[in-house]
C-alpha cells in the first residue's frame, strides 16, 4: 500500500521525526482555515500516489488567501500520472538552507533492506546515483540487529553534516529505520530532509509503501484505506484475485514462485544468466488450482515476457493442484512464450505427470540455476523458430 505524503508524515511524527506543520484538506474553505492556523506563506501540495508531481506543477505556493484559493482550484483540476487530485496538503513554507536525502528500500540482490543517505536532496535517488555516485552512501540493514546511533552518525558524517544538525539528522535516521521495520515497509524515504534557516532538521516530504500482507495487523494505517490505488493494471488485477504480483518494468522473463525467498533467489539467478525479470509473483501458502491458473494468466499478460519460470515447492501447497492450474491455462491460451517448471514436494509425481502430458519442460531434482538455463535455451529456440534464422 502506497501512502500519501500526509499519511507518511503522520507515521513519521508518531516515530519522533519532525515534520512541517500542515493539514490535509479536500475543499477550498478547509484550505483557507488551515492556512489561517498555520500562517502565510504556505505550500499547497497535491496528494498523489506517484512521483514527479513537482515537475508536473503539482506543488504551488501561496502568500495570501487569494493565491491560496487559486492554487487549490488549479490543483484540483489536474490529473497527475492518471490520478485526479482530490486531497491537498496545506503546509508551512520552510526557509530552507540545505537539502539532504535519506531512504530505505529492499535490495533484491542481497535480499536485505538498503539504507541510503546523500547530501544531494530534492532529486530522484536514481538521478543521484547516476550524477553524484560519490555522494551516495549506503549500508545494508540486518532485521535481526538494527543499527545503533553511532552507526547513523558515522554514515551521516560522510554527507558533511556537523554539530547539532548531525545529531538531529542521526536521530531522524535512527527513527526512520525503526519505522521501516515496525510498519513492514517496502520503502521509507525522506526527500528532501531539510535544514531550515534556524538550524532545525525536518522531513519536508515522505514516501512510504507498506507491504500489503502486513496491513491487517498495523493499526496506524487501517484508517488509510482508499477507494482505489493507482497502480499497474496488472497489479490491480492480481490484487483483485488475491495474488501478490509486482511488475518490474521492462523484462523478458515472467516469474511465479512458491514463496518470497524462492522468488528472490529466482530473480537473482535470472539476472545472473543475462535474463531480466519482468515481475515478482509469490503464490503464497494457499496455491489452489484456480489461484495458480490466475497467476499464470497475469504473468503471461506482462508486456515483454518471452518466457515464464515457475519455481514451486509443495510443502503446504499441493504440486498436483498447482500443475492442474498450469495445464488449464496451457489448454485455454496455448501461450507462445517458453515455459519451464521446477517443482518438488507434496504430490510431485502426480504434478510432473500432468505437466509432461502438456509437454512442459520440468526440472524435477535439479537446481534453480539449471531451470533458468533451460528456460533461456527454450527462449532462444523459439526466437530461431519464429525468425527462421539467428539474429
Protein backbone atom coordinates (compact mmCIF):
# COMPACT_ATOMS: atom_id res chain seq x y z
CA UNK A 1 0.00 0.00 0.00
CA UNK A 2 1.46 3.32 -1.08
CA UNK A 3 0.80 6.17 1.35
CA UNK A 4 0.05 9.76 0.51
CA UNK A 5 2.64 12.26 1.72
CA UNK A 6 0.46 13.44 4.60
CA UNK A 7 -0.14 9.84 5.73
CA UNK A 8 3.57 9.10 5.65
CA UNK A 9 4.21 12.21 7.71
CA UNK A 10 1.70 11.06 10.30
CA UNK A 11 3.76 7.89 10.71
CA UNK A 12 6.96 9.93 10.82
CA UNK A 13 5.57 12.22 13.53
CA UNK A 14 4.50 9.24 15.64
CA UNK A 15 8.04 7.89 15.31
CA UNK A 16 9.63 11.14 16.53
CA UNK A 17 10.61 12.51 13.11
CA UNK A 18 9.95 16.29 12.92
CA UNK A 19 7.76 17.43 10.02
CA UNK A 20 6.43 20.87 8.97
CA UNK A 21 3.05 21.96 10.36
CA UNK A 22 0.36 21.01 7.88
CA UNK A 23 -3.21 19.83 7.29
CA UNK A 24 -4.68 17.68 4.52
CA UNK A 25 -7.86 19.17 3.02
CA UNK A 26 -10.40 18.46 0.29
CA UNK A 27 -12.08 21.85 -0.14
CA UNK A 28 -11.02 25.47 -0.66
CA UNK A 29 -12.73 26.51 2.59
CA UNK A 30 -10.85 23.89 4.57
CA UNK A 31 -7.64 25.08 2.91
CA UNK A 32 -8.36 28.68 3.98
CA UNK A 33 -8.94 27.59 7.59
CA UNK A 34 -5.77 25.50 7.61
CA UNK A 35 -3.67 28.36 6.20
CA UNK A 36 -5.05 30.81 8.76
CA UNK A 37 -4.00 28.47 11.55
CA UNK A 38 -0.56 27.84 10.06
CA UNK A 39 0.12 31.39 8.91
CA UNK A 40 1.18 32.57 5.47
CA UNK A 41 3.14 31.85 3.34
CA UNK A 42 2.09 28.25 2.77
CA UNK A 43 2.93 25.41 0.40
CA UNK A 44 -0.03 23.89 -1.47
CA UNK A 45 0.83 20.27 -2.33
CA UNK A 46 -1.22 17.83 -4.40
CA UNK A 47 -1.50 14.41 -2.79
CA UNK A 48 -0.98 11.64 -5.34
CA UNK A 49 0.49 8.17 -5.08
CA UNK A 50 3.04 8.51 -7.87
CA UNK A 51 6.15 10.66 -8.07
CA UNK A 52 7.06 13.55 -10.32
CA UNK A 53 4.34 15.92 -9.11
CA UNK A 54 6.77 18.83 -8.62
CA UNK A 55 7.90 18.77 -12.24
CA UNK A 56 4.27 18.44 -13.34
CA UNK A 57 3.18 21.55 -11.44
CA UNK A 58 1.59 19.69 -8.56
CA UNK A 59 3.19 21.88 -5.87
CA UNK A 60 2.35 25.58 -5.54
CA UNK A 61 2.92 28.43 -3.07
CA UNK A 62 0.50 30.97 -1.67
CA UNK A 63 1.34 34.21 0.10
CA UNK A 64 -2.28 35.15 0.83
CA UNK A 65 -5.84 33.85 0.69
CA UNK A 66 -6.43 34.87 -2.92
CA UNK A 67 -3.37 32.97 -4.13
CA UNK A 68 -4.35 30.00 -1.96
CA UNK A 69 -7.86 29.71 -3.44
CA UNK A 70 -6.44 29.90 -6.96
CA UNK A 71 -3.77 27.29 -6.19
CA UNK A 72 -6.35 24.88 -4.75
CA UNK A 73 -8.57 25.32 -7.80
CA UNK A 74 -5.66 24.76 -10.16
CA UNK A 75 -4.52 21.60 -8.41
CA UNK A 76 -7.99 20.09 -8.14
CA UNK A 77 -8.44 20.50 -11.88
CA UNK A 78 -5.27 18.49 -12.54
CA UNK A 79 -4.66 14.83 -13.26
CA UNK A 80 -1.16 13.63 -12.37
CA UNK A 81 0.05 10.27 -13.70
CA UNK A 82 -3.55 9.31 -14.35
CA UNK A 83 -4.71 10.24 -10.84
CA UNK A 84 -7.18 13.04 -10.20
CA UNK A 85 -6.06 15.35 -7.38
CA UNK A 86 -8.64 15.17 -4.58
CA UNK A 87 -6.57 15.74 -1.45
CA UNK A 88 -4.27 18.74 -0.92
CA UNK A 89 -1.74 19.27 1.86
CA UNK A 90 -1.54 22.83 3.18
CA UNK A 91 1.81 23.18 4.90
CA UNK A 92 4.03 25.89 6.33
CA UNK A 93 6.60 27.22 3.89
CA UNK A 94 10.08 26.45 5.15
CA UNK A 95 13.05 28.75 4.82
CA UNK A 96 15.38 26.06 3.50
CA UNK A 97 19.14 26.34 3.96
CA UNK A 98 20.22 22.82 2.85
CA UNK A 99 18.62 19.66 1.48
CA UNK A 100 19.59 16.02 2.05
CA UNK A 101 18.25 12.60 1.13
CA UNK A 102 17.66 9.56 3.32
CA UNK A 103 15.75 6.44 2.45
CA UNK A 104 15.39 2.69 2.83
CA UNK A 105 14.30 0.19 0.21
CA UNK A 106 14.73 -3.52 -0.44
CA UNK A 107 17.86 -4.58 -2.29
CA UNK A 108 16.69 -7.60 -4.35
CA UNK A 109 20.22 -8.83 -5.00
CA UNK A 110 21.10 -9.08 -1.31
CA UNK A 111 17.53 -9.72 -0.09
CA UNK A 112 18.17 -7.10 2.59
CA UNK A 113 16.93 -3.56 3.26
CA UNK A 114 19.35 -0.93 1.92
CA UNK A 115 19.80 2.34 3.81
CA UNK A 116 20.98 5.30 1.70
CA UNK A 117 21.89 8.91 2.53
CA UNK A 118 23.14 11.77 0.39
CA UNK A 119 23.83 15.48 0.55
CA UNK A 120 22.06 15.74 -2.82
CA UNK A 121 18.45 16.00 -1.69
CA UNK A 122 15.41 17.09 -3.65
CA UNK A 123 16.04 14.87 -6.68
CA UNK A 124 15.21 11.27 -7.56
CA UNK A 125 17.58 8.79 -5.97
CA UNK A 126 18.16 7.25 -9.41
CA UNK A 127 19.45 10.63 -10.61
CA UNK A 128 21.65 10.99 -7.52
CA UNK A 129 23.13 7.54 -8.15
CA UNK A 130 23.78 8.45 -11.78
CA UNK A 131 25.05 12.03 -11.42
CA UNK A 132 26.56 12.03 -7.91
CA UNK A 133 27.56 8.40 -7.15
CA UNK A 134 30.41 9.58 -4.92
CA UNK A 135 27.87 11.38 -2.71
CA UNK A 136 25.52 8.44 -2.18
CA UNK A 137 26.39 6.45 0.93
CA UNK A 138 24.84 3.02 1.60
CA UNK A 139 24.53 0.44 4.34
CA UNK A 140 22.61 -2.84 4.38
CA UNK A 141 20.37 -3.40 7.37
CA UNK A 142 20.06 -6.62 9.35
CA UNK A 143 16.43 -7.06 10.50
CA UNK A 144 17.68 -9.06 13.50
CA UNK A 145 20.30 -6.49 14.58
CA UNK A 146 19.20 -2.98 13.73
CA UNK A 147 21.94 -0.33 13.62
CA UNK A 148 22.91 1.77 16.61
CA UNK A 149 23.10 5.54 16.86
CA UNK A 150 26.87 5.60 16.39
CA UNK A 151 26.43 3.87 13.02
CA UNK A 152 23.92 6.52 11.98
CA UNK A 153 26.37 9.25 12.97
CA UNK A 154 29.22 7.60 11.05
CA UNK A 155 27.09 7.29 7.91
CA UNK A 156 25.83 10.87 8.03
CA UNK A 157 29.29 12.30 8.70
CA UNK A 158 30.10 11.34 5.11
CA UNK A 159 27.47 13.83 3.87
CA UNK A 160 29.25 16.75 5.53
CA UNK A 161 26.75 17.22 8.36
CA UNK A 162 28.27 18.52 11.60
CA UNK A 163 27.37 19.64 15.09
CA UNK A 164 23.77 19.94 16.22
CA UNK A 165 22.37 19.20 12.75
CA UNK A 166 24.39 15.97 12.58
CA UNK A 167 22.88 14.78 15.86
CA UNK A 168 19.35 15.77 14.82
CA UNK A 169 19.69 14.02 11.47
CA UNK A 170 21.10 10.88 13.12
CA UNK A 171 18.08 10.69 15.43
CA UNK A 172 15.77 11.07 12.44
CA UNK A 173 17.63 8.39 10.51
CA UNK A 174 17.52 6.05 13.51
CA UNK A 175 13.75 6.61 13.84
CA UNK A 176 13.30 6.09 10.11
CA UNK A 177 14.95 2.68 10.40
CA UNK A 178 12.75 1.79 13.37
CA UNK A 179 9.64 2.85 11.45
CA UNK A 180 10.67 0.86 8.38
CA UNK A 181 10.68 -2.37 10.36
CA UNK A 182 7.78 -1.52 12.68
CA UNK A 183 5.43 -0.84 9.75
CA UNK A 184 6.69 -3.63 7.46
CA UNK A 185 7.61 -1.03 4.88
CA UNK A 186 8.88 -1.80 1.40
CA UNK A 187 10.10 1.78 1.01
CA UNK A 188 10.53 4.60 3.54
CA UNK A 189 12.06 7.78 2.15
CA UNK A 190 12.59 11.40 3.19
CA UNK A 191 13.41 13.56 0.20
CA UNK A 192 14.25 16.20 0.96
CA UNK A 193 15.35 16.18 4.55
CA UNK A 194 15.91 19.89 5.11
CA UNK A 195 17.84 22.14 7.43
CA UNK A 196 15.94 25.42 7.79
CA UNK A 197 17.37 28.88 8.40
CA UNK A 198 17.06 28.35 12.17
CA UNK A 199 19.13 25.16 12.04
CA UNK A 200 16.20 22.77 12.56
CA UNK A 201 16.17 19.46 10.69
CA UNK A 202 12.79 18.32 9.30
CA UNK A 203 11.28 15.80 6.90
CA UNK A 204 9.91 18.05 4.16
CA UNK A 205 8.43 15.13 2.23
CA UNK A 206 7.60 11.46 2.73
CA UNK A 207 7.43 8.42 0.52
CA UNK A 208 6.23 5.28 2.29
CA UNK A 209 4.97 1.99 0.91
CA UNK A 210 3.84 -0.79 3.24
CA UNK A 211 3.67 -4.49 2.45
CA UNK A 212 0.00 -5.25 1.69
CA UNK A 213 0.23 -8.58 3.52
CA UNK A 214 1.00 -6.75 6.80
CA UNK A 215 -1.79 -4.14 6.66
CA UNK A 216 -4.25 -6.19 8.71
CA UNK A 217 -2.05 -6.01 11.82
CA UNK A 218 -0.84 -2.39 11.61
CA UNK A 219 -3.44 -0.29 13.43
CA UNK A 220 -1.87 3.02 12.47
CA UNK A 221 -2.64 2.54 8.77
CA UNK A 222 -6.06 0.90 8.95
CA UNK A 223 -7.69 4.30 8.54
CA UNK A 224 -5.67 4.94 5.39
CA UNK A 225 -7.70 2.60 3.16
CA UNK A 226 -8.84 4.30 -0.06
CA UNK A 227 -11.32 3.53 -2.81
CA UNK A 228 -8.71 2.90 -5.47
CA UNK A 229 -4.95 2.91 -5.55
CA UNK A 230 -3.39 3.93 -8.83
CA UNK A 231 -1.06 1.17 -9.95
CA UNK A 232 -0.10 -1.01 -12.85
CA UNK A 233 -3.34 -2.50 -14.28
CA UNK A 234 -1.89 -5.98 -13.90
CA UNK A 235 -1.07 -5.28 -10.26
CA UNK A 236 -4.67 -4.19 -9.75
CA UNK A 237 -5.96 -7.31 -11.50
CA UNK A 238 -3.67 -9.55 -9.45
CA UNK A 239 -4.73 -7.86 -6.22
CA UNK A 240 -8.39 -8.46 -7.05
CA UNK A 241 -7.53 -12.15 -7.47
CA UNK A 242 -5.66 -12.31 -4.16
CA UNK A 243 -2.26 -12.66 -5.85
CA UNK A 244 0.92 -10.89 -4.74
CA UNK A 245 2.26 -9.52 -8.06
CA UNK A 246 4.67 -6.64 -8.67
CA UNK A 247 5.66 -5.50 -12.16
CA UNK A 248 9.39 -4.82 -12.51
CA UNK A 249 9.30 -2.67 -15.65
CA UNK A 250 10.93 -3.85 -18.86
CA UNK A 251 11.85 -7.53 -18.61
CA UNK A 252 11.74 -10.69 -20.69
CA UNK A 253 11.14 -13.42 -18.09
CA UNK A 254 7.96 -13.75 -16.09
CA UNK A 255 8.19 -15.39 -12.66
CA UNK A 256 5.86 -17.41 -10.47
CA UNK A 257 7.39 -18.57 -7.20
CA UNK A 258 6.16 -20.67 -4.32
CA UNK A 259 7.48 -18.37 -1.59
CA UNK A 260 9.08 -14.93 -1.34
CA UNK A 261 12.56 -16.29 -0.61
CA UNK A 262 12.37 -18.70 -3.53
CA UNK A 263 11.18 -15.82 -5.70
CA UNK A 264 14.08 -13.56 -4.73
CA UNK A 265 16.58 -16.36 -5.39
CA UNK A 266 14.95 -16.98 -8.77
CA UNK A 267 15.21 -13.31 -9.72
CA UNK A 268 18.90 -13.29 -8.78
CA UNK A 269 19.56 -16.38 -10.89
CA UNK A 270 17.66 -14.95 -13.87
CA UNK A 271 19.75 -11.78 -13.71
CA UNK A 272 23.00 -13.72 -13.25
CA UNK A 273 22.43 -15.54 -16.55
CA UNK A 274 21.55 -12.45 -18.58
CA UNK A 275 17.77 -12.53 -18.30
CA UNK A 276 15.68 -9.66 -16.98
CA UNK A 277 12.86 -10.41 -14.50
CA UNK A 278 9.61 -8.81 -15.66
CA UNK A 279 7.74 -9.31 -12.41
CA UNK A 280 7.76 -10.74 -8.91
CA UNK A 281 4.90 -13.09 -8.00
CA UNK A 282 4.61 -15.13 -4.82
CA UNK A 283 1.81 -17.71 -4.78
CA UNK A 284 1.90 -17.93 -1.00
CA UNK A 285 0.66 -20.85 1.07
CA UNK A 286 -2.79 -21.26 -0.49
CA UNK A 287 -1.87 -22.10 -4.08
CA UNK A 288 -5.03 -23.81 -5.31
CA UNK A 289 -5.51 -24.90 -8.92
CA UNK A 290 -7.57 -21.74 -9.57
CA UNK A 291 -5.04 -19.38 -7.96
CA UNK A 292 -2.15 -20.94 -9.87
CA UNK A 293 -4.07 -20.58 -13.13
CA UNK A 294 -4.91 -16.95 -12.36
CA UNK A 295 -1.26 -16.24 -11.56
CA UNK A 296 -0.07 -17.70 -14.87
CA UNK A 297 -2.67 -15.71 -16.81
CA UNK A 298 -1.46 -12.48 -15.20
CA UNK A 299 2.21 -13.24 -15.88
CA UNK A 300 1.52 -14.16 -19.50
CA UNK A 301 -0.11 -10.73 -19.93
CA UNK A 302 3.01 -8.96 -18.65
CA UNK A 303 4.45 -6.86 -21.52
CA UNK A 304 7.72 -8.11 -22.99
CA UNK A 305 7.59 -11.60 -21.46
CA UNK A 306 9.20 -14.19 -23.77
CA UNK A 307 9.50 -16.92 -21.17
CA UNK A 308 7.97 -17.89 -17.82
CA UNK A 309 9.85 -19.56 -14.97
CA UNK A 310 7.57 -21.33 -12.49
CA UNK A 311 9.55 -22.29 -9.38
CA UNK A 312 7.37 -24.19 -6.91
CA UNK A 313 7.80 -26.20 -3.73
CA UNK A 314 4.98 -28.39 -2.49
CA UNK A 315 5.20 -28.06 1.25
CA UNK A 316 1.86 -26.67 2.36
CA UNK A 317 0.84 -26.43 -1.28
CA UNK A 318 -0.02 -29.43 -3.44
CA UNK A 319 2.04 -29.96 -6.61
CA UNK A 320 -0.78 -31.83 -8.33
CA UNK A 321 -3.23 -28.96 -7.85
CA UNK A 322 -0.69 -26.37 -8.98
CA UNK A 323 0.13 -28.44 -12.07
CA UNK A 324 -3.58 -28.68 -12.90
CA UNK A 325 -3.76 -24.88 -12.81
CA UNK A 326 -0.80 -24.57 -15.17
CA UNK A 327 -2.26 -27.20 -17.52
CA UNK A 328 -5.62 -25.44 -17.56
CA UNK A 329 -4.01 -22.23 -18.82
CA UNK A 330 -1.93 -24.11 -21.41
CA UNK A 331 -5.12 -25.64 -22.85
CA UNK A 332 -7.02 -22.38 -22.64
CA UNK A 333 -4.48 -19.91 -24.03
CA UNK A 334 -1.93 -22.06 -25.87
CA UNK A 335 0.75 -19.47 -24.99
CA UNK A 336 3.60 -18.77 -27.38
CA UNK A 337 6.02 -17.99 -24.55
CA UNK A 338 8.51 -20.60 -23.40
CA UNK A 339 7.60 -22.10 -20.02
CA UNK A 340 9.81 -24.08 -17.66
CA UNK A 341 8.64 -25.50 -14.32
CA UNK A 342 10.80 -26.53 -11.38
CA UNK A 343 8.57 -28.41 -8.97
CA UNK A 344 9.16 -30.67 -5.98
CA UNK A 345 7.27 -31.66 -2.86
CA UNK A 346 3.83 -32.92 -1.89
CA UNK A 347 2.19 -34.92 -4.75
CA UNK A 348 5.12 -34.15 -7.04
CA UNK A 349 4.80 -37.34 -9.13
CA UNK A 350 1.19 -36.54 -9.98
CA UNK A 351 2.12 -32.96 -10.77
CA UNK A 352 5.01 -33.99 -13.01
CA UNK A 353 2.77 -36.38 -14.95
CA UNK A 354 0.26 -33.61 -15.65
CA UNK A 355 2.95 -31.21 -16.89
CA UNK A 356 4.64 -33.87 -19.00
CA UNK A 357 1.31 -34.57 -20.71
CA UNK A 358 1.35 -30.92 -21.84
CA UNK A 359 4.99 -31.11 -22.99
CA UNK A 360 6.10 -28.55 -20.38
CA UNK A 361 9.84 -28.87 -19.58
CA UNK A 362 10.31 -29.80 -15.91
CA UNK A 363 13.28 -29.69 -13.59
CA UNK A 364 12.49 -32.43 -11.09
CA UNK A 365 15.60 -32.83 -8.95
CA UNK A 366 17.89 -30.13 -10.31
CA UNK A 367 18.60 -26.60 -9.20
CA UNK A 368 17.06 -23.21 -9.86
CA UNK A 369 20.11 -22.39 -11.96
CA UNK A 370 19.52 -25.43 -14.19
CA UNK A 371 15.91 -24.37 -14.65
CA UNK A 372 16.86 -20.82 -15.62
CA UNK A 373 19.46 -22.07 -18.12
CA UNK A 374 16.88 -24.44 -19.63
CA UNK A 375 14.34 -21.62 -19.94
CA UNK A 376 16.84 -19.36 -21.71
CA UNK A 377 17.65 -22.20 -24.10
CA UNK A 378 13.94 -22.69 -24.81
CA UNK A 379 13.52 -18.95 -25.41
CA UNK A 380 16.42 -18.94 -27.89
CA UNK A 381 14.94 -21.92 -29.77
CA UNK A 382 11.63 -20.07 -30.07
CA UNK A 383 13.37 -16.98 -31.44
CA UNK A 384 15.13 -19.09 -34.07
CA UNK A 385 11.90 -20.87 -34.99
CA UNK A 386 9.94 -17.61 -35.17
CA UNK A 387 12.52 -15.78 -37.30
CA UNK A 388 13.88 -18.73 -39.25
CA UNK A 389 17.49 -17.74 -38.55
CA UNK A 390 19.79 -16.42 -35.85
CA UNK A 391 19.74 -12.65 -35.50
